[in-house]
Amino acid sequence: MRQTLFNWLGQELHGKRCLDLFAGTGALGFEAASRGAMQVVMVENNAMTQLNLQKNAEFLGAEQIEIQRNDALRFLAANTQLFDVIFLDPPFNQGWLEKLLPRLASCLAADGVIYVEAEKPVVAHSGWQVLKSGKAGNVQYHLLSLLK
């Protein structure tokens, strides 16, 4: 899925600002940084996971990565930045997409996109369009943008 995602985004992310809202292992955020993203903000609510992300970023010397321990909704409520790419891989079956998509529009740059992994196909939500989608096992993945 990651290879497909970065094929969709283009292999280079130079100058892009990225948000990994449920960072977990940080795979998407670290990959974005390795492809030249100017800034990658990783948000992780779990203290131990956040500490591991911090250690990995320091080990890699990835100065463009900022790691925040925070809840996704609280982060979005306080955020004033615009992002070109938002990675969204929330825990399944907890209604996160319905809570987050209305809030993400104000965080997305004009030509920005959101990559979503979900337990079911994402249908067009109010104001959003599905640009691309695929399936790997039980995971549905999508690239969304704001309706123009």
N, C-alpha and C. Protein backbone atom coordinates (compact mmCIF):
# COMPACT_ATOMS: atom_id res chain seq x y z
N MET A 1 0.82 -1.19 0.00
CA MET A 1 0.00 0.00 0.00
C MET A 1 0.86 1.25 0.00
N ARG A 2 1.96 1.21 0.74
CA ARG A 2 2.82 2.39 0.82
C ARG A 2 3.40 2.73 -0.55
N GLN A 3 3.79 1.70 -1.29
CA GLN A 3 4.33 1.95 -2.63
C GLN A 3 3.27 2.58 -3.52
N THR A 4 2.04 2.08 -3.45
CA THR A 4 0.95 2.67 -4.23
C THR A 4 0.72 4.11 -3.81
N LEU A 5 0.70 4.37 -2.51
CA LEU A 5 0.50 5.73 -2.02
C LEU A 5 1.52 6.69 -2.61
N PHE A 6 2.80 6.34 -2.53
CA PHE A 6 3.82 7.26 -3.00
C PHE A 6 3.89 7.31 -4.53
N ASN A 7 3.38 6.29 -5.20
CA ASN A 7 3.19 6.41 -6.65
C ASN A 7 2.09 7.43 -6.95
N TRP A 8 1.02 7.41 -6.15
CA TRP A 8 -0.06 8.38 -6.32
C TRP A 8 0.43 9.80 -6.07
N LEU A 9 1.23 9.97 -5.01
CA LEU A 9 1.69 11.30 -4.61
C LEU A 9 2.82 11.82 -5.49
N GLY A 10 3.48 10.92 -6.17
CA GLY A 10 4.71 11.27 -6.88
C GLY A 10 5.86 10.88 -5.99
N GLN A 11 6.95 10.50 -6.57
CA GLN A 11 8.05 9.96 -5.79
C GLN A 11 8.75 11.02 -4.93
N GLU A 12 8.68 12.25 -5.32
CA GLU A 12 9.34 13.32 -4.59
C GLU A 12 8.31 14.18 -3.86
N LEU A 13 8.61 14.56 -2.66
CA LEU A 13 7.73 15.43 -1.89
C LEU A 13 8.44 16.72 -1.49
N HIS A 14 9.44 17.12 -2.27
CA HIS A 14 10.23 18.31 -1.94
C HIS A 14 9.33 19.53 -1.74
N GLY A 15 9.57 20.21 -0.63
CA GLY A 15 8.84 21.43 -0.33
C GLY A 15 7.46 21.22 0.25
N LYS A 16 7.03 19.98 0.41
CA LYS A 16 5.69 19.69 0.93
C LYS A 16 5.69 19.68 2.46
N ARG A 17 4.55 20.07 3.00
CA ARG A 17 4.32 19.97 4.45
C ARG A 17 3.33 18.82 4.66
N CYS A 18 3.71 17.88 5.51
CA CYS A 18 2.91 16.67 5.72
C CYS A 18 2.50 16.54 7.18
N LEU A 19 1.33 15.97 7.38
CA LEU A 19 0.81 15.67 8.71
C LEU A 19 0.48 14.20 8.78
N ASP A 20 1.04 13.50 9.75
CA ASP A 20 0.72 12.10 10.01
C ASP A 20 -0.06 12.10 11.32
N LEU A 21 -1.39 12.08 11.20
CA LEU A 21 -2.24 12.36 12.35
C LEU A 21 -2.34 11.23 13.36
N PHE A 22 -2.19 10.00 12.95
CA PHE A 22 -2.14 8.84 13.85
C PHE A 22 -0.82 8.13 13.53
N ALA A 23 0.28 8.69 14.00
CA ALA A 23 1.59 8.29 13.52
C ALA A 23 1.93 6.81 13.75
N GLY A 24 1.58 6.26 14.89
CA GLY A 24 1.90 4.84 15.14
C GLY A 24 3.39 4.59 14.99
N THR A 25 3.76 3.71 14.06
CA THR A 25 5.18 3.40 13.83
C THR A 25 5.91 4.53 13.14
N GLY A 26 5.16 5.45 12.55
CA GLY A 26 5.78 6.57 11.84
C GLY A 26 6.19 6.24 10.42
N ALA A 27 5.80 5.08 9.92
CA ALA A 27 6.25 4.64 8.59
C ALA A 27 5.92 5.66 7.50
N LEU A 28 4.72 6.20 7.51
CA LEU A 28 4.35 7.15 6.46
C LEU A 28 5.08 8.48 6.61
N GLY A 29 5.17 8.96 7.83
CA GLY A 29 5.86 10.22 8.07
C GLY A 29 7.35 10.14 7.77
N PHE A 30 8.00 9.06 8.20
CA PHE A 30 9.42 8.89 7.92
C PHE A 30 9.66 8.73 6.42
N GLU A 31 8.76 8.02 5.75
CA GLU A 31 8.88 7.86 4.29
C GLU A 31 8.75 9.22 3.60
N ALA A 32 7.80 10.03 4.04
CA ALA A 32 7.63 11.36 3.45
C ALA A 32 8.89 12.20 3.66
N ALA A 33 9.47 12.13 4.85
CA ALA A 33 10.70 12.87 5.13
C ALA A 33 11.83 12.39 4.22
N SER A 34 11.92 11.08 4.02
CA SER A 34 12.99 10.54 3.17
C SER A 34 12.82 10.93 1.71
N ARG A 35 11.60 11.32 1.33
CA ARG A 35 11.33 11.74 -0.05
C ARG A 35 11.34 13.26 -0.19
N GLY A 36 11.91 13.95 0.79
CA GLY A 36 12.18 15.37 0.66
C GLY A 36 11.14 16.31 1.22
N ALA A 37 10.17 15.80 1.99
CA ALA A 37 9.19 16.71 2.58
C ALA A 37 9.91 17.76 3.41
N MET A 38 9.47 19.00 3.29
CA MET A 38 10.07 20.11 4.02
C MET A 38 9.76 20.01 5.51
N GLN A 39 8.55 19.55 5.84
CA GLN A 39 8.12 19.42 7.23
C GLN A 39 7.20 18.22 7.33
N VAL A 40 7.38 17.46 8.40
CA VAL A 40 6.48 16.35 8.71
C VAL A 40 6.12 16.47 10.19
N VAL A 41 4.83 16.66 10.46
CA VAL A 41 4.34 16.68 11.83
C VAL A 41 3.69 15.34 12.10
N MET A 42 4.20 14.64 13.11
CA MET A 42 3.63 13.36 13.52
C MET A 42 2.90 13.56 14.83
N VAL A 43 1.66 13.12 14.87
CA VAL A 43 0.85 13.23 16.08
C VAL A 43 0.57 11.83 16.59
N GLU A 44 0.91 11.58 17.84
CA GLU A 44 0.71 10.27 18.46
C GLU A 44 0.26 10.47 19.89
N ASN A 45 -0.79 9.77 20.29
CA ASN A 45 -1.36 9.94 21.62
C ASN A 45 -0.71 9.03 22.67
N ASN A 46 -0.11 7.93 22.25
CA ASN A 46 0.48 6.98 23.17
C ASN A 46 1.89 7.44 23.56
N ALA A 47 2.15 7.57 24.86
CA ALA A 47 3.43 8.11 25.34
C ALA A 47 4.63 7.27 24.92
N MET A 48 4.54 5.95 25.04
CA MET A 48 5.67 5.09 24.69
C MET A 48 5.93 5.13 23.18
N THR A 49 4.88 5.12 22.40
CA THR A 49 5.02 5.19 20.95
C THR A 49 5.61 6.53 20.53
N GLN A 50 5.16 7.59 21.17
CA GLN A 50 5.69 8.92 20.87
C GLN A 50 7.18 8.99 21.20
N LEU A 51 7.57 8.40 22.31
CA LEU A 51 8.98 8.38 22.69
C LEU A 51 9.82 7.61 21.66
N ASN A 52 9.30 6.48 21.19
CA ASN A 52 10.01 5.70 20.16
C ASN A 52 10.14 6.48 18.87
N LEU A 53 9.09 7.19 18.49
CA LEU A 53 9.16 8.02 17.29
C LEU A 53 10.24 9.09 17.43
N GLN A 54 10.29 9.70 18.60
CA GLN A 54 11.30 10.74 18.86
C GLN A 54 12.70 10.17 18.76
N LYS A 55 12.92 9.01 19.35
CA LYS A 55 14.23 8.37 19.28
C LYS A 55 14.62 8.05 17.84
N ASN A 56 13.66 7.54 17.06
CA ASN A 56 13.94 7.20 15.66
C ASN A 56 14.26 8.45 14.84
N ALA A 57 13.54 9.52 15.07
CA ALA A 57 13.80 10.77 14.35
C ALA A 57 15.18 11.30 14.68
N GLU A 58 15.55 11.24 15.95
CA GLU A 58 16.87 11.69 16.37
C GLU A 58 17.97 10.81 15.77
N PHE A 59 17.76 9.50 15.79
CA PHE A 59 18.72 8.55 15.22
C PHE A 59 18.95 8.84 13.74
N LEU A 60 17.86 9.15 13.03
CA LEU A 60 17.95 9.41 11.59
C LEU A 60 18.42 10.83 11.28
N GLY A 61 18.47 11.68 12.29
CA GLY A 61 18.84 13.07 12.06
C GLY A 61 17.80 13.80 11.22
N ALA A 62 16.56 13.41 11.38
CA ALA A 62 15.46 13.96 10.59
C ALA A 62 14.94 15.23 11.25
N GLU A 63 15.62 16.34 10.99
CA GLU A 63 15.28 17.60 11.65
C GLU A 63 13.97 18.21 11.16
N GLN A 64 13.48 17.77 10.00
CA GLN A 64 12.22 18.29 9.49
C GLN A 64 11.00 17.62 10.12
N ILE A 65 11.26 16.65 11.00
CA ILE A 65 10.16 15.94 11.66
C ILE A 65 9.92 16.54 13.04
N GLU A 66 8.66 16.84 13.30
CA GLU A 66 8.21 17.33 14.60
C GLU A 66 7.22 16.30 15.14
N ILE A 67 7.46 15.82 16.34
CA ILE A 67 6.60 14.81 16.93
C ILE A 67 5.87 15.40 18.11
N GLN A 68 4.56 15.26 18.10
CA GLN A 68 3.73 15.80 19.17
C GLN A 68 2.92 14.68 19.81
N ARG A 69 2.91 14.67 21.13
CA ARG A 69 2.02 13.76 21.84
C ARG A 69 0.71 14.49 22.06
N ASN A 70 -0.33 14.01 21.38
CA ASN A 70 -1.60 14.69 21.43
C ASN A 70 -2.70 13.79 20.87
N ASP A 71 -3.90 14.09 21.22
CA ASP A 71 -5.08 13.47 20.64
C ASP A 71 -5.34 14.15 19.29
N ALA A 72 -5.80 13.41 18.31
CA ALA A 72 -6.02 13.95 16.97
C ALA A 72 -6.98 15.14 16.99
N LEU A 73 -8.08 15.03 17.70
CA LEU A 73 -9.07 16.10 17.72
C LEU A 73 -8.53 17.35 18.42
N ARG A 74 -7.80 17.16 19.51
CA ARG A 74 -7.20 18.31 20.19
C ARG A 74 -6.14 18.98 19.32
N PHE A 75 -5.36 18.17 18.64
CA PHE A 75 -4.35 18.74 17.73
C PHE A 75 -5.03 19.60 16.67
N LEU A 76 -6.07 19.07 16.04
CA LEU A 76 -6.75 19.82 14.98
C LEU A 76 -7.40 21.09 15.51
N ALA A 77 -7.93 21.04 16.72
CA ALA A 77 -8.58 22.22 17.30
C ALA A 77 -7.58 23.36 17.50
N ALA A 78 -6.32 23.03 17.79
CA ALA A 78 -5.30 24.05 18.06
C ALA A 78 -4.44 24.38 16.83
N ASN A 79 -4.52 23.58 15.80
CA ASN A 79 -3.64 23.74 14.64
C ASN A 79 -3.97 24.99 13.83
N THR A 80 -2.94 25.68 13.38
CA THR A 80 -3.11 26.83 12.50
C THR A 80 -2.35 26.66 11.19
N GLN A 81 -1.69 25.54 11.00
CA GLN A 81 -0.89 25.29 9.80
C GLN A 81 -1.74 24.70 8.68
N LEU A 82 -1.24 24.85 7.45
CA LEU A 82 -1.81 24.17 6.30
C LEU A 82 -0.84 23.09 5.85
N PHE A 83 -1.38 21.94 5.46
CA PHE A 83 -0.56 20.81 5.04
C PHE A 83 -0.91 20.44 3.60
N ASP A 84 0.12 20.01 2.87
CA ASP A 84 -0.07 19.57 1.49
C ASP A 84 -0.55 18.13 1.43
N VAL A 85 -0.09 17.33 2.38
CA VAL A 85 -0.46 15.91 2.45
C VAL A 85 -0.77 15.58 3.90
N ILE A 86 -1.93 14.95 4.10
CA ILE A 86 -2.31 14.47 5.43
C ILE A 86 -2.48 12.97 5.35
N PHE A 87 -1.76 12.26 6.22
CA PHE A 87 -1.88 10.81 6.32
C PHE A 87 -2.84 10.51 7.47
N LEU A 88 -3.83 9.70 7.18
CA LEU A 88 -4.87 9.42 8.17
C LEU A 88 -5.11 7.91 8.23
N ASP A 89 -4.56 7.28 9.26
CA ASP A 89 -4.73 5.84 9.47
C ASP A 89 -5.19 5.62 10.91
N PRO A 90 -6.44 6.01 11.20
CA PRO A 90 -6.95 5.92 12.58
C PRO A 90 -7.32 4.49 12.95
N PRO A 91 -7.50 4.22 14.24
CA PRO A 91 -8.01 2.90 14.65
C PRO A 91 -9.35 2.64 13.97
N PHE A 92 -9.53 1.42 13.53
CA PHE A 92 -10.75 1.05 12.81
C PHE A 92 -11.95 0.94 13.75
N ASN A 93 -13.12 1.07 13.15
CA ASN A 93 -14.41 0.86 13.82
C ASN A 93 -14.64 1.75 15.03
N GLN A 94 -14.12 2.97 14.98
CA GLN A 94 -14.34 3.92 16.07
C GLN A 94 -14.93 5.24 15.58
N GLY A 95 -15.33 5.31 14.32
CA GLY A 95 -15.99 6.50 13.79
C GLY A 95 -15.08 7.70 13.60
N TRP A 96 -13.78 7.48 13.47
CA TRP A 96 -12.84 8.59 13.36
C TRP A 96 -13.06 9.42 12.10
N LEU A 97 -13.32 8.79 10.97
CA LEU A 97 -13.45 9.56 9.73
C LEU A 97 -14.57 10.57 9.81
N GLU A 98 -15.68 10.16 10.37
CA GLU A 98 -16.82 11.07 10.50
C GLU A 98 -16.48 12.25 11.40
N LYS A 99 -15.64 12.01 12.41
CA LYS A 99 -15.24 13.09 13.33
C LYS A 99 -14.19 14.01 12.70
N LEU A 100 -13.29 13.44 11.91
CA LEU A 100 -12.13 14.18 11.44
C LEU A 100 -12.31 14.90 10.12
N LEU A 101 -12.98 14.28 9.15
CA LEU A 101 -13.06 14.89 7.83
C LEU A 101 -13.62 16.31 7.84
N PRO A 102 -14.65 16.60 8.62
CA PRO A 102 -15.12 18.00 8.64
C PRO A 102 -14.07 18.98 9.16
N ARG A 103 -13.19 18.52 10.02
CA ARG A 103 -12.17 19.40 10.60
C ARG A 103 -10.91 19.53 9.74
N LEU A 104 -10.69 18.56 8.87
CA LEU A 104 -9.45 18.55 8.10
C LEU A 104 -9.43 19.56 6.96
N ALA A 105 -10.60 19.99 6.50
CA ALA A 105 -10.64 20.95 5.39
C ALA A 105 -9.87 22.22 5.73
N SER A 106 -9.94 22.65 6.96
CA SER A 106 -9.26 23.90 7.35
C SER A 106 -7.75 23.71 7.52
N CYS A 107 -7.27 22.49 7.46
CA CYS A 107 -5.84 22.20 7.62
C CYS A 107 -5.16 21.89 6.29
N LEU A 108 -5.94 21.81 5.23
CA LEU A 108 -5.41 21.34 3.95
C LEU A 108 -5.09 22.52 3.03
N ALA A 109 -3.89 22.51 2.46
CA ALA A 109 -3.50 23.53 1.49
C ALA A 109 -4.40 23.42 0.26
N ALA A 110 -4.38 24.45 -0.57
CA ALA A 110 -5.29 24.55 -1.71
C ALA A 110 -5.30 23.30 -2.60
N ASP A 111 -4.16 22.76 -2.93
CA ASP A 111 -4.10 21.57 -3.77
C ASP A 111 -3.71 20.33 -2.97
N GLY A 112 -3.98 20.36 -1.67
CA GLY A 112 -3.59 19.26 -0.80
C GLY A 112 -4.46 18.04 -0.95
N VAL A 113 -3.94 16.92 -0.44
CA VAL A 113 -4.65 15.64 -0.48
C VAL A 113 -4.57 14.96 0.88
N ILE A 114 -5.52 14.07 1.09
CA ILE A 114 -5.53 13.26 2.30
C ILE A 114 -5.49 11.80 1.89
N TYR A 115 -4.56 11.07 2.49
CA TYR A 115 -4.50 9.62 2.30
C TYR A 115 -5.17 8.98 3.50
N VAL A 116 -6.17 8.13 3.23
CA VAL A 116 -6.96 7.52 4.30
C VAL A 116 -6.89 6.00 4.19
N GLU A 117 -6.62 5.34 5.32
CA GLU A 117 -6.79 3.89 5.42
C GLU A 117 -7.99 3.65 6.32
N ALA A 118 -8.87 2.75 5.89
CA ALA A 118 -10.11 2.51 6.62
C ALA A 118 -10.53 1.05 6.49
N GLU A 119 -11.47 0.69 7.34
CA GLU A 119 -11.98 -0.68 7.34
C GLU A 119 -13.04 -0.91 6.26
N LYS A 120 -13.50 0.16 5.64
CA LYS A 120 -14.54 0.06 4.61
C LYS A 120 -14.26 1.12 3.55
N PRO A 121 -14.87 0.98 2.39
CA PRO A 121 -14.66 2.01 1.36
C PRO A 121 -15.15 3.36 1.86
N VAL A 122 -14.40 4.39 1.55
CA VAL A 122 -14.80 5.75 1.90
C VAL A 122 -15.62 6.29 0.74
N VAL A 123 -16.82 6.68 1.03
CA VAL A 123 -17.65 7.32 0.02
C VAL A 123 -17.45 8.82 0.14
N ALA A 124 -17.75 9.53 -0.91
CA ALA A 124 -17.57 10.98 -0.89
C ALA A 124 -18.34 11.58 0.27
N HIS A 125 -17.63 12.23 1.17
CA HIS A 125 -18.25 12.96 2.27
C HIS A 125 -18.51 14.38 1.79
N SER A 126 -19.32 15.09 2.48
CA SER A 126 -19.64 16.47 2.12
C SER A 126 -18.37 17.29 1.94
N GLY A 127 -18.19 17.82 0.74
CA GLY A 127 -17.04 18.66 0.46
C GLY A 127 -15.81 17.92 -0.01
N TRP A 128 -15.83 16.59 -0.02
CA TRP A 128 -14.66 15.78 -0.37
C TRP A 128 -14.93 14.94 -1.60
N GLN A 129 -13.89 14.67 -2.36
CA GLN A 129 -14.00 13.72 -3.47
C GLN A 129 -12.91 12.67 -3.35
N VAL A 130 -13.24 11.45 -3.78
CA VAL A 130 -12.28 10.35 -3.79
C VAL A 130 -11.56 10.38 -5.13
N LEU A 131 -10.26 10.63 -5.09
CA LEU A 131 -9.47 10.68 -6.31
C LEU A 131 -9.05 9.29 -6.77
N LYS A 132 -8.62 8.48 -5.81
CA LYS A 132 -8.14 7.12 -6.10
C LYS A 132 -8.45 6.25 -4.91
N SER A 133 -8.56 4.95 -5.15
CA SER A 133 -8.80 4.02 -4.05
C SER A 133 -8.30 2.64 -4.42
N GLY A 134 -8.11 1.81 -3.40
CA GLY A 134 -7.67 0.45 -3.60
C GLY A 134 -7.97 -0.37 -2.35
N LYS A 135 -7.63 -1.65 -2.43
CA LYS A 135 -7.88 -2.55 -1.30
C LYS A 135 -6.72 -3.52 -1.19
N ALA A 136 -6.28 -3.76 0.04
CA ALA A 136 -5.25 -4.76 0.33
C ALA A 136 -5.72 -5.53 1.55
N GLY A 137 -6.11 -6.77 1.36
CA GLY A 137 -6.66 -7.56 2.46
C GLY A 137 -7.94 -6.91 2.97
N ASN A 138 -7.99 -6.63 4.27
CA ASN A 138 -9.17 -6.00 4.86
C ASN A 138 -9.08 -4.48 4.92
N VAL A 139 -8.02 -3.92 4.35
CA VAL A 139 -7.81 -2.47 4.44
C VAL A 139 -8.18 -1.81 3.11
N GLN A 140 -9.01 -0.80 3.21
CA GLN A 140 -9.35 0.04 2.07
C GLN A 140 -8.50 1.29 2.16
N TYR A 141 -7.92 1.72 1.05
CA TYR A 141 -7.11 2.94 1.09
C TYR A 141 -7.56 3.88 -0.02
N HIS A 142 -7.46 5.19 0.28
CA HIS A 142 -8.06 6.21 -0.57
C HIS A 142 -7.21 7.47 -0.59
N LEU A 143 -7.32 8.19 -1.68
CA LEU A 143 -6.73 9.51 -1.77
C LEU A 143 -7.89 10.49 -1.99
N LEU A 144 -8.02 11.44 -1.08
CA LEU A 144 -9.13 12.38 -1.11
C LEU A 144 -8.62 13.80 -1.35
N SER A 145 -9.48 14.61 -1.94
CA SER A 145 -9.20 16.04 -2.03
C SER A 145 -10.51 16.79 -1.80
N LEU A 146 -10.38 18.07 -1.54
CA LEU A 146 -11.57 18.90 -1.39
C LEU A 146 -12.22 19.09 -2.75
N LEU A 147 -13.54 19.12 -2.76
CA LEU A 147 -14.24 19.44 -4.00
C LEU A 147 -13.90 20.85 -4.43
N LYS A 148 -13.71 21.03 -5.69
CA LYS A 148 -13.36 22.37 -6.19
C LYS A 148 -14.57 23.04 -6.79
